Amino acid sequence: MFPVKWLLQKDEQLLAFIAQRCQHPRLKAVMSFLSHPPGWHYAAAILILLLLIFGTPVIRLRTGLLLLAVLLSDQTCNLLKAVFKRPRPGGMKPAKGNFWERLGRHSFPSSHAANNFSVAVMVARWYPPATFPLFLWASLVTFSRICLKSHYPLDVLGGALTGILWGLLILRFFA
């Protein structure tokens, strides 16, 4: 049997190692920006609406598939969080709020990683010149979650794999 305790201990040690090196105030500010860019919800909503209204049929289809990928990646992570119930690195917060807010108390896997990697996989397939910037962005967002002690390294790895899987599945069967 695989030594789960040993793996989780190494995961905690790697988090401590990385987080210790992310303590500079400027670096923390950059990581906070990457993790939660101000106003990104509004910018994304406007972009999606513009693509759906003014895009070609292919662009509309791809926009819908991206939304599907993010939805499936995000909700798969929420389901896994409800199953595994791994506390976030900062410990468990009081259980209050609605179902989704309570799920936010759990750490494995990272929805940030899943969502960013599902988009990166799909857009990179449709527009190959964007591959490096997309995967760099997804990796930086994912790394920011570790630096800010919001997730353990295995959480973001699990999230990234979830997003990549959904992106590839949607491309395989719908695109």
N, C-alpha and C. Protein backbone atom coordinates (compact mmCIF):
# COMPACT_ATOMS: atom_id res chain seq x y z
N MET A 1 0.84 -1.19 0.00
CA MET A 1 0.00 0.00 0.00
C MET A 1 0.88 1.24 0.00
N PHE A 2 0.47 2.24 -0.79
CA PHE A 2 1.24 3.47 -0.89
C PHE A 2 1.17 4.24 0.42
N PRO A 3 2.29 4.74 0.90
CA PRO A 3 2.32 5.44 2.20
C PRO A 3 1.73 6.85 2.09
N VAL A 4 0.42 6.97 2.27
CA VAL A 4 -0.28 8.25 2.13
C VAL A 4 0.23 9.26 3.15
N LYS A 5 0.45 8.83 4.38
CA LYS A 5 0.94 9.75 5.41
C LYS A 5 2.27 10.37 4.99
N TRP A 6 3.15 9.55 4.47
CA TRP A 6 4.46 10.05 4.03
C TRP A 6 4.30 11.08 2.92
N LEU A 7 3.42 10.79 1.95
CA LEU A 7 3.18 11.71 0.83
C LEU A 7 2.62 13.04 1.32
N LEU A 8 1.66 12.99 2.23
CA LEU A 8 1.07 14.22 2.77
C LEU A 8 2.10 15.01 3.58
N GLN A 9 2.97 14.31 4.28
CA GLN A 9 4.03 14.98 5.04
C GLN A 9 5.00 15.69 4.09
N LYS A 10 5.36 15.04 3.01
CA LYS A 10 6.24 15.66 2.01
C LYS A 10 5.55 16.86 1.35
N ASP A 11 4.25 16.74 1.13
CA ASP A 11 3.46 17.82 0.56
C ASP A 11 3.50 19.04 1.49
N GLU A 12 3.33 18.82 2.76
CA GLU A 12 3.40 19.91 3.75
C GLU A 12 4.80 20.52 3.80
N GLN A 13 5.83 19.71 3.71
CA GLN A 13 7.19 20.22 3.72
C GLN A 13 7.48 21.06 2.48
N LEU A 14 6.99 20.61 1.33
CA LEU A 14 7.19 21.36 0.10
C LEU A 14 6.44 22.70 0.15
N LEU A 15 5.23 22.68 0.70
CA LEU A 15 4.49 23.93 0.88
C LEU A 15 5.29 24.90 1.75
N ALA A 16 5.80 24.42 2.87
CA ALA A 16 6.57 25.29 3.78
C ALA A 16 7.80 25.85 3.08
N PHE A 17 8.48 25.01 2.31
CA PHE A 17 9.68 25.43 1.59
C PHE A 17 9.35 26.54 0.59
N ILE A 18 8.29 26.33 -0.19
CA ILE A 18 7.91 27.33 -1.20
C ILE A 18 7.38 28.59 -0.54
N ALA A 19 6.47 28.46 0.40
CA ALA A 19 5.85 29.62 1.04
C ALA A 19 6.88 30.49 1.76
N GLN A 20 7.89 29.86 2.33
CA GLN A 20 8.94 30.61 3.03
C GLN A 20 9.68 31.52 2.05
N ARG A 21 9.82 31.10 0.82
CA ARG A 21 10.53 31.90 -0.19
C ARG A 21 9.64 32.93 -0.86
N CYS A 22 8.37 32.95 -0.50
CA CYS A 22 7.42 33.90 -1.10
C CYS A 22 7.02 35.00 -0.11
N GLN A 23 7.85 35.27 0.87
CA GLN A 23 7.47 36.19 1.92
C GLN A 23 7.70 37.67 1.61
N HIS A 24 8.49 37.96 0.58
CA HIS A 24 8.75 39.36 0.26
C HIS A 24 7.43 40.06 -0.07
N PRO A 25 7.20 41.25 0.49
CA PRO A 25 5.91 41.94 0.27
C PRO A 25 5.57 42.16 -1.21
N ARG A 26 6.54 42.49 -2.04
CA ARG A 26 6.25 42.71 -3.46
C ARG A 26 5.86 41.40 -4.15
N LEU A 27 6.57 40.33 -3.80
CA LEU A 27 6.23 39.03 -4.38
C LEU A 27 4.84 38.59 -3.93
N LYS A 28 4.53 38.81 -2.65
CA LYS A 28 3.19 38.46 -2.17
C LYS A 28 2.11 39.26 -2.89
N ALA A 29 2.41 40.53 -3.19
CA ALA A 29 1.44 41.36 -3.92
C ALA A 29 1.22 40.81 -5.32
N VAL A 30 2.30 40.39 -5.98
CA VAL A 30 2.18 39.81 -7.32
C VAL A 30 1.39 38.51 -7.25
N MET A 31 1.69 37.69 -6.28
CA MET A 31 0.98 36.41 -6.14
C MET A 31 -0.51 36.63 -5.83
N SER A 32 -0.81 37.64 -5.02
CA SER A 32 -2.22 37.96 -4.73
C SER A 32 -2.93 38.42 -5.99
N PHE A 33 -2.24 39.23 -6.81
CA PHE A 33 -2.82 39.67 -8.07
C PHE A 33 -3.08 38.48 -8.99
N LEU A 34 -2.12 37.57 -9.10
CA LEU A 34 -2.29 36.40 -9.97
C LEU A 34 -3.43 35.51 -9.49
N SER A 35 -3.55 35.38 -8.17
CA SER A 35 -4.56 34.50 -7.60
C SER A 35 -5.97 35.10 -7.72
N HIS A 36 -6.06 36.43 -7.58
CA HIS A 36 -7.35 37.12 -7.62
C HIS A 36 -7.22 38.46 -8.32
N PRO A 37 -7.07 38.45 -9.66
CA PRO A 37 -6.95 39.73 -10.37
C PRO A 37 -8.20 40.58 -10.14
N PRO A 38 -8.00 41.85 -9.81
CA PRO A 38 -9.16 42.69 -9.53
C PRO A 38 -10.02 42.87 -10.79
N GLY A 39 -11.31 42.70 -10.63
CA GLY A 39 -12.25 42.92 -11.71
C GLY A 39 -12.27 41.86 -12.80
N TRP A 40 -11.59 40.75 -12.59
CA TRP A 40 -11.52 39.76 -13.66
C TRP A 40 -12.90 39.18 -14.00
N HIS A 41 -13.77 39.07 -13.01
CA HIS A 41 -15.11 38.53 -13.27
C HIS A 41 -15.84 39.39 -14.31
N TYR A 42 -15.74 40.71 -14.14
CA TYR A 42 -16.43 41.62 -15.06
C TYR A 42 -15.81 41.56 -16.45
N ALA A 43 -14.48 41.57 -16.51
CA ALA A 43 -13.80 41.50 -17.81
C ALA A 43 -14.15 40.20 -18.53
N ALA A 44 -14.16 39.10 -17.81
CA ALA A 44 -14.49 37.81 -18.41
C ALA A 44 -15.94 37.79 -18.90
N ALA A 45 -16.85 38.31 -18.09
CA ALA A 45 -18.26 38.32 -18.47
C ALA A 45 -18.47 39.17 -19.73
N ILE A 46 -17.83 40.32 -19.80
CA ILE A 46 -17.96 41.18 -20.98
C ILE A 46 -17.38 40.49 -22.20
N LEU A 47 -16.19 39.89 -22.06
CA LEU A 47 -15.56 39.19 -23.18
C LEU A 47 -16.45 38.04 -23.67
N ILE A 48 -16.98 37.27 -22.76
CA ILE A 48 -17.85 36.14 -23.13
C ILE A 48 -19.09 36.64 -23.87
N LEU A 49 -19.72 37.69 -23.34
CA LEU A 49 -20.90 38.24 -24.01
C LEU A 49 -20.57 38.74 -25.41
N LEU A 50 -19.44 39.44 -25.54
CA LEU A 50 -19.05 39.95 -26.86
C LEU A 50 -18.80 38.80 -27.84
N LEU A 51 -18.12 37.76 -27.36
CA LEU A 51 -17.85 36.62 -28.23
C LEU A 51 -19.13 35.90 -28.64
N LEU A 52 -20.07 35.78 -27.71
CA LEU A 52 -21.33 35.11 -28.02
C LEU A 52 -22.22 35.94 -28.94
N ILE A 53 -22.19 37.26 -28.79
CA ILE A 53 -23.04 38.12 -29.60
C ILE A 53 -22.44 38.37 -30.98
N PHE A 54 -21.15 38.71 -31.01
CA PHE A 54 -20.54 39.15 -32.27
C PHE A 54 -19.62 38.11 -32.92
N GLY A 55 -19.39 37.00 -32.26
CA GLY A 55 -18.49 35.99 -32.80
C GLY A 55 -19.09 35.20 -33.95
N THR A 56 -18.22 34.61 -34.72
CA THR A 56 -18.66 33.71 -35.77
C THR A 56 -19.26 32.46 -35.11
N PRO A 57 -19.94 31.63 -35.88
CA PRO A 57 -20.47 30.39 -35.29
C PRO A 57 -19.37 29.54 -34.63
N VAL A 58 -18.19 29.49 -35.23
CA VAL A 58 -17.09 28.71 -34.64
C VAL A 58 -16.67 29.33 -33.31
N ILE A 59 -16.56 30.65 -33.25
CA ILE A 59 -16.18 31.33 -32.01
C ILE A 59 -17.24 31.12 -30.94
N ARG A 60 -18.50 31.17 -31.30
CA ARG A 60 -19.57 30.93 -30.33
C ARG A 60 -19.50 29.51 -29.78
N LEU A 61 -19.30 28.54 -30.68
CA LEU A 61 -19.17 27.15 -30.24
C LEU A 61 -17.99 27.00 -29.28
N ARG A 62 -16.86 27.55 -29.65
CA ARG A 62 -15.67 27.43 -28.79
C ARG A 62 -15.86 28.13 -27.45
N THR A 63 -16.53 29.27 -27.46
CA THR A 63 -16.82 29.96 -26.20
C THR A 63 -17.69 29.09 -25.31
N GLY A 64 -18.70 28.49 -25.89
CA GLY A 64 -19.57 27.58 -25.14
C GLY A 64 -18.81 26.37 -24.60
N LEU A 65 -17.91 25.83 -25.41
CA LEU A 65 -17.12 24.68 -24.96
C LEU A 65 -16.16 25.07 -23.84
N LEU A 66 -15.60 26.28 -23.92
CA LEU A 66 -14.74 26.76 -22.82
C LEU A 66 -15.54 26.91 -21.53
N LEU A 67 -16.73 27.45 -21.64
CA LEU A 67 -17.59 27.59 -20.46
C LEU A 67 -17.93 26.21 -19.88
N LEU A 68 -18.22 25.27 -20.75
CA LEU A 68 -18.50 23.90 -20.31
C LEU A 68 -17.29 23.30 -19.60
N ALA A 69 -16.10 23.50 -20.17
CA ALA A 69 -14.88 22.96 -19.56
C ALA A 69 -14.65 23.55 -18.17
N VAL A 70 -14.83 24.85 -18.04
CA VAL A 70 -14.63 25.50 -16.74
C VAL A 70 -15.68 25.00 -15.75
N LEU A 71 -16.92 24.90 -16.20
CA LEU A 71 -17.98 24.41 -15.32
C LEU A 71 -17.68 22.99 -14.83
N LEU A 72 -17.33 22.10 -15.75
CA LEU A 72 -17.05 20.71 -15.38
C LEU A 72 -15.80 20.59 -14.51
N SER A 73 -14.77 21.35 -14.84
CA SER A 73 -13.54 21.32 -14.03
C SER A 73 -13.84 21.81 -12.62
N ASP A 74 -14.53 22.94 -12.53
CA ASP A 74 -14.82 23.55 -11.24
C ASP A 74 -15.69 22.63 -10.38
N GLN A 75 -16.75 22.09 -10.98
CA GLN A 75 -17.66 21.26 -10.20
C GLN A 75 -17.06 19.89 -9.86
N THR A 76 -16.17 19.39 -10.71
CA THR A 76 -15.46 18.16 -10.35
C THR A 76 -14.59 18.42 -9.13
N CYS A 77 -13.93 19.56 -9.10
CA CYS A 77 -13.12 19.91 -7.93
C CYS A 77 -13.98 20.04 -6.69
N ASN A 78 -15.15 20.67 -6.83
CA ASN A 78 -16.04 20.80 -5.67
C ASN A 78 -16.50 19.44 -5.17
N LEU A 79 -16.81 18.54 -6.09
CA LEU A 79 -17.20 17.18 -5.70
C LEU A 79 -16.06 16.49 -4.95
N LEU A 80 -14.85 16.59 -5.50
CA LEU A 80 -13.70 15.95 -4.86
C LEU A 80 -13.39 16.59 -3.50
N LYS A 81 -13.58 17.90 -3.39
CA LYS A 81 -13.39 18.56 -2.09
C LYS A 81 -14.36 18.01 -1.06
N ALA A 82 -15.61 17.79 -1.48
CA ALA A 82 -16.62 17.24 -0.58
C ALA A 82 -16.27 15.81 -0.17
N VAL A 83 -15.62 15.07 -1.06
CA VAL A 83 -15.24 13.68 -0.77
C VAL A 83 -14.00 13.63 0.13
N PHE A 84 -12.94 14.34 -0.27
CA PHE A 84 -11.67 14.23 0.45
C PHE A 84 -11.61 15.08 1.72
N LYS A 85 -12.29 16.22 1.71
CA LYS A 85 -12.36 17.10 2.90
C LYS A 85 -10.99 17.42 3.48
N ARG A 86 -10.01 17.64 2.62
CA ARG A 86 -8.67 17.99 3.09
C ARG A 86 -8.68 19.46 3.54
N PRO A 87 -8.29 19.72 4.77
CA PRO A 87 -8.27 21.12 5.23
C PRO A 87 -7.24 21.94 4.45
N ARG A 88 -7.53 23.21 4.28
CA ARG A 88 -6.56 24.11 3.66
C ARG A 88 -5.35 24.26 4.58
N PRO A 89 -4.23 24.71 4.02
CA PRO A 89 -3.02 24.84 4.84
C PRO A 89 -3.20 25.69 6.09
N GLY A 90 -4.06 26.69 6.05
CA GLY A 90 -4.28 27.54 7.22
C GLY A 90 -5.20 26.92 8.25
N GLY A 91 -5.69 25.73 8.01
CA GLY A 91 -6.61 25.08 8.93
C GLY A 91 -8.05 25.29 8.50
N MET A 92 -8.93 24.65 9.20
CA MET A 92 -10.35 24.72 8.87
C MET A 92 -10.95 26.00 9.43
N LYS A 93 -11.70 26.69 8.58
CA LYS A 93 -12.46 27.87 9.01
C LYS A 93 -13.81 27.38 9.51
N PRO A 94 -14.50 28.21 10.30
CA PRO A 94 -15.82 27.79 10.78
C PRO A 94 -16.75 27.48 9.60
N ALA A 95 -17.59 26.47 9.80
CA ALA A 95 -18.51 26.03 8.75
C ALA A 95 -19.74 26.93 8.75
N LYS A 96 -19.67 28.00 7.96
CA LYS A 96 -20.84 28.86 7.82
C LYS A 96 -21.00 29.22 6.36
N GLY A 97 -22.17 29.74 6.01
CA GLY A 97 -22.43 30.09 4.63
C GLY A 97 -23.16 28.97 3.92
N ASN A 98 -23.35 29.17 2.62
CA ASN A 98 -24.06 28.17 1.83
C ASN A 98 -23.15 26.98 1.53
N PHE A 99 -23.69 26.03 0.81
CA PHE A 99 -22.95 24.80 0.49
C PHE A 99 -21.62 25.11 -0.18
N TRP A 100 -21.63 26.04 -1.16
CA TRP A 100 -20.42 26.36 -1.93
C TRP A 100 -19.37 27.05 -1.06
N GLU A 101 -19.82 27.92 -0.17
CA GLU A 101 -18.88 28.59 0.73
C GLU A 101 -18.25 27.59 1.70
N ARG A 102 -19.03 26.64 2.15
CA ARG A 102 -18.48 25.63 3.05
C ARG A 102 -17.46 24.75 2.34
N LEU A 103 -17.72 24.47 1.05
CA LEU A 103 -16.75 23.67 0.28
C LEU A 103 -15.42 24.41 0.17
N GLY A 104 -15.46 25.73 0.17
CA GLY A 104 -14.25 26.54 0.07
C GLY A 104 -13.30 26.33 1.25
N ARG A 105 -13.76 25.70 2.29
CA ARG A 105 -12.91 25.38 3.44
C ARG A 105 -11.93 24.27 3.09
N HIS A 106 -12.26 23.51 2.06
CA HIS A 106 -11.44 22.35 1.71
C HIS A 106 -10.46 22.68 0.61
N SER A 107 -9.42 21.86 0.51
CA SER A 107 -8.27 22.22 -0.29
C SER A 107 -8.04 21.38 -1.53
N PHE A 108 -8.40 20.12 -1.51
CA PHE A 108 -8.04 19.23 -2.62
C PHE A 108 -9.25 18.89 -3.46
N PRO A 109 -9.13 19.13 -4.76
CA PRO A 109 -8.09 19.77 -5.57
C PRO A 109 -8.38 21.25 -5.76
N SER A 110 -7.44 21.97 -6.34
CA SER A 110 -7.55 23.41 -6.55
C SER A 110 -8.41 23.72 -7.78
N SER A 111 -9.50 24.45 -7.56
CA SER A 111 -10.34 24.87 -8.67
C SER A 111 -9.63 25.91 -9.53
N HIS A 112 -8.83 26.79 -8.91
CA HIS A 112 -8.06 27.77 -9.69
C HIS A 112 -7.21 27.04 -10.73
N ALA A 113 -6.50 26.01 -10.30
CA ALA A 113 -5.64 25.26 -11.21
C ALA A 113 -6.47 24.57 -12.29
N ALA A 114 -7.55 23.92 -11.89
CA ALA A 114 -8.38 23.18 -12.85
C ALA A 114 -8.94 24.11 -13.92
N ASN A 115 -9.50 25.22 -13.50
CA ASN A 115 -10.13 26.13 -14.46
C ASN A 115 -9.11 26.72 -15.43
N ASN A 116 -7.98 27.17 -14.91
CA ASN A 116 -6.97 27.77 -15.78
C ASN A 116 -6.36 26.77 -16.74
N PHE A 117 -6.12 25.56 -16.28
CA PHE A 117 -5.52 24.56 -17.17
C PHE A 117 -6.52 24.03 -18.21
N SER A 118 -7.80 23.95 -17.86
CA SER A 118 -8.76 23.51 -18.88
C SER A 118 -8.84 24.54 -20.01
N VAL A 119 -8.84 25.82 -19.67
CA VAL A 119 -8.85 26.86 -20.70
C VAL A 119 -7.55 26.84 -21.50
N ALA A 120 -6.42 26.69 -20.82
CA ALA A 120 -5.12 26.67 -21.52
C ALA A 120 -5.06 25.53 -22.54
N VAL A 121 -5.50 24.35 -22.15
CA VAL A 121 -5.46 23.19 -23.06
C VAL A 121 -6.30 23.45 -24.30
N MET A 122 -7.48 23.97 -24.09
CA MET A 122 -8.40 24.13 -25.22
C MET A 122 -7.99 25.27 -26.15
N VAL A 123 -7.68 26.42 -25.59
CA VAL A 123 -7.30 27.55 -26.44
C VAL A 123 -5.97 27.27 -27.14
N ALA A 124 -5.07 26.58 -26.48
CA ALA A 124 -3.79 26.23 -27.12
C ALA A 124 -4.02 25.33 -28.34
N ARG A 125 -5.00 24.46 -28.27
CA ARG A 125 -5.31 23.60 -29.41
C ARG A 125 -5.86 24.41 -30.58
N TRP A 126 -6.69 25.40 -30.26
CA TRP A 126 -7.31 26.21 -31.30
C TRP A 126 -6.39 27.31 -31.83
N TYR A 127 -5.49 27.78 -30.97
CA TYR A 127 -4.59 28.87 -31.37
C TYR A 127 -3.19 28.56 -30.83
N PRO A 128 -2.45 27.69 -31.52
CA PRO A 128 -1.15 27.22 -31.04
C PRO A 128 -0.14 28.31 -30.65
N PRO A 129 -0.09 29.48 -31.32
CA PRO A 129 0.89 30.49 -30.87
C PRO A 129 0.67 30.95 -29.42
N ALA A 130 -0.51 30.75 -28.89
CA ALA A 130 -0.80 31.16 -27.51
C ALA A 130 -0.43 30.10 -26.48
N THR A 131 0.08 28.97 -26.91
CA THR A 131 0.34 27.85 -25.99
C THR A 131 1.24 28.26 -24.83
N PHE A 132 2.40 28.83 -25.13
CA PHE A 132 3.33 29.17 -24.04
C PHE A 132 2.73 30.19 -23.08
N PRO A 133 2.17 31.33 -23.56
CA PRO A 133 1.59 32.28 -22.61
C PRO A 133 0.44 31.69 -21.78
N LEU A 134 -0.38 30.86 -22.41
CA LEU A 134 -1.51 30.27 -21.67
C LEU A 134 -1.03 29.35 -20.55
N PHE A 135 -0.07 28.48 -20.87
CA PHE A 135 0.41 27.55 -19.83
C PHE A 135 1.27 28.26 -18.80
N LEU A 136 1.95 29.32 -19.21
CA LEU A 136 2.70 30.14 -18.24
C LEU A 136 1.72 30.79 -17.27
N TRP A 137 0.66 31.39 -17.79
CA TRP A 137 -0.35 32.03 -16.93
C TRP A 137 -0.96 30.99 -15.98
N ALA A 138 -1.39 29.86 -16.51
CA ALA A 138 -2.01 28.83 -15.66
C ALA A 138 -1.03 28.36 -14.59
N SER A 139 0.23 28.21 -14.94
CA SER A 139 1.25 27.78 -13.98
C SER A 139 1.49 28.83 -12.91
N LEU A 140 1.53 30.10 -13.32
CA LEU A 140 1.75 31.18 -12.35
C LEU A 140 0.57 31.31 -11.38
N VAL A 141 -0.64 31.20 -11.91
CA VAL A 141 -1.82 31.25 -11.03
C VAL A 141 -1.76 30.08 -10.05
N THR A 142 -1.44 28.92 -10.56
CA THR A 142 -1.35 27.73 -9.73
C THR A 142 -0.27 27.88 -8.66
N PHE A 143 0.89 28.38 -9.06
CA PHE A 143 1.98 28.60 -8.11
C PHE A 143 1.59 29.63 -7.05
N SER A 144 0.82 30.65 -7.46
CA SER A 144 0.40 31.67 -6.51
C SER A 144 -0.44 31.07 -5.38
N ARG A 145 -1.20 30.04 -5.69
CA ARG A 145 -2.03 29.40 -4.67
C ARG A 145 -1.18 28.73 -3.60
N ILE A 146 -0.02 28.23 -4.00
CA ILE A 146 0.90 27.63 -3.03
C ILE A 146 1.59 28.74 -2.24
N CYS A 147 2.09 29.76 -2.93
CA CYS A 147 2.79 30.86 -2.26
C CYS A 147 1.92 31.52 -1.21
N LEU A 148 0.64 31.65 -1.49
CA LEU A 148 -0.28 32.31 -0.56
C LEU A 148 -0.81 31.35 0.50
N LYS A 149 -0.33 30.12 0.49
CA LYS A 149 -0.75 29.08 1.42
C LYS A 149 -2.25 28.82 1.36
N SER A 150 -2.80 28.91 0.16
CA SER A 150 -4.21 28.57 -0.03
C SER A 150 -4.37 27.10 -0.40
N HIS A 151 -3.29 26.51 -0.93
CA HIS A 151 -3.31 25.11 -1.34
C HIS A 151 -1.95 24.48 -1.13
N TYR A 152 -1.97 23.17 -0.95
CA TYR A 152 -0.75 22.38 -0.94
C TYR A 152 -0.35 22.09 -2.38
N PRO A 153 0.91 21.75 -2.62
CA PRO A 153 1.33 21.41 -3.99
C PRO A 153 0.51 20.28 -4.63
N LEU A 154 0.16 19.26 -3.87
CA LEU A 154 -0.65 18.18 -4.44
C LEU A 154 -2.05 18.65 -4.82
N ASP A 155 -2.56 19.66 -4.11
CA ASP A 155 -3.88 20.21 -4.45
C ASP A 155 -3.86 20.83 -5.83
N VAL A 156 -2.81 21.62 -6.10
CA VAL A 156 -2.75 22.29 -7.40
C VAL A 156 -2.40 21.30 -8.51
N LEU A 157 -1.62 20.30 -8.19
CA LEU A 157 -1.34 19.25 -9.18
C LEU A 157 -2.64 18.50 -9.53
N GLY A 158 -3.40 18.15 -8.51
CA GLY A 158 -4.69 17.48 -8.74
C GLY A 158 -5.64 18.37 -9.54
N GLY A 159 -5.66 19.65 -9.23
CA GLY A 159 -6.51 20.58 -9.97
C GLY A 159 -6.06 20.71 -11.42
N ALA A 160 -4.75 20.85 -11.62
CA ALA A 160 -4.22 20.98 -12.99
C ALA A 160 -4.58 19.74 -13.80
N LEU A 161 -4.40 18.56 -13.24
CA LEU A 161 -4.73 17.33 -13.96
C LEU A 161 -6.22 17.23 -14.26
N THR A 162 -7.05 17.68 -13.32
CA THR A 162 -8.50 17.69 -13.54
C THR A 162 -8.85 18.59 -14.72
N GLY A 163 -8.28 19.79 -14.74
CA GLY A 163 -8.55 20.73 -15.82
C GLY A 163 -8.04 20.23 -17.16
N ILE A 164 -6.85 19.68 -17.17
CA ILE A 164 -6.28 19.15 -18.41
C ILE A 164 -7.17 18.02 -18.93
N LEU A 165 -7.59 17.14 -18.05
CA LEU A 165 -8.45 16.02 -18.46
C LEU A 165 -9.76 16.51 -19.06
N TRP A 166 -10.44 17.45 -18.39
CA TRP A 166 -11.69 17.96 -18.94
C TRP A 166 -11.47 18.68 -20.26
N GLY A 167 -10.41 19.47 -20.34
CA GLY A 167 -10.11 20.15 -21.60
C GLY A 167 -9.91 19.16 -22.74
N LEU A 168 -9.13 18.13 -22.49
CA LEU A 168 -8.87 17.12 -23.53
C LEU A 168 -10.13 16.33 -23.89
N LEU A 169 -10.93 16.00 -22.90
CA LEU A 169 -12.17 15.25 -23.17
C LEU A 169 -13.14 16.07 -24.02
N ILE A 170 -13.29 17.33 -23.68
CA ILE A 170 -14.21 18.17 -24.45
C ILE A 170 -13.69 18.37 -25.87
N LEU A 171 -12.39 18.57 -26.01
CA LEU A 171 -11.82 18.69 -27.35
C LEU A 171 -12.03 17.40 -28.16
N ARG A 172 -11.85 16.29 -27.52
CA ARG A 172 -11.96 14.99 -28.18
C ARG A 172 -13.38 14.70 -28.67
N PHE A 173 -14.38 15.05 -27.83
CA PHE A 173 -15.74 14.63 -28.14
C PHE A 173 -16.64 15.74 -28.71
N PHE A 174 -16.25 17.01 -28.56
CA PHE A 174 -17.15 18.08 -28.99
C PHE A 174 -16.53 19.06 -29.98
N ALA A 175 -15.21 19.15 -30.03
CA ALA A 175 -14.60 20.20 -30.87
C ALA A 175 -14.17 19.66 -32.22
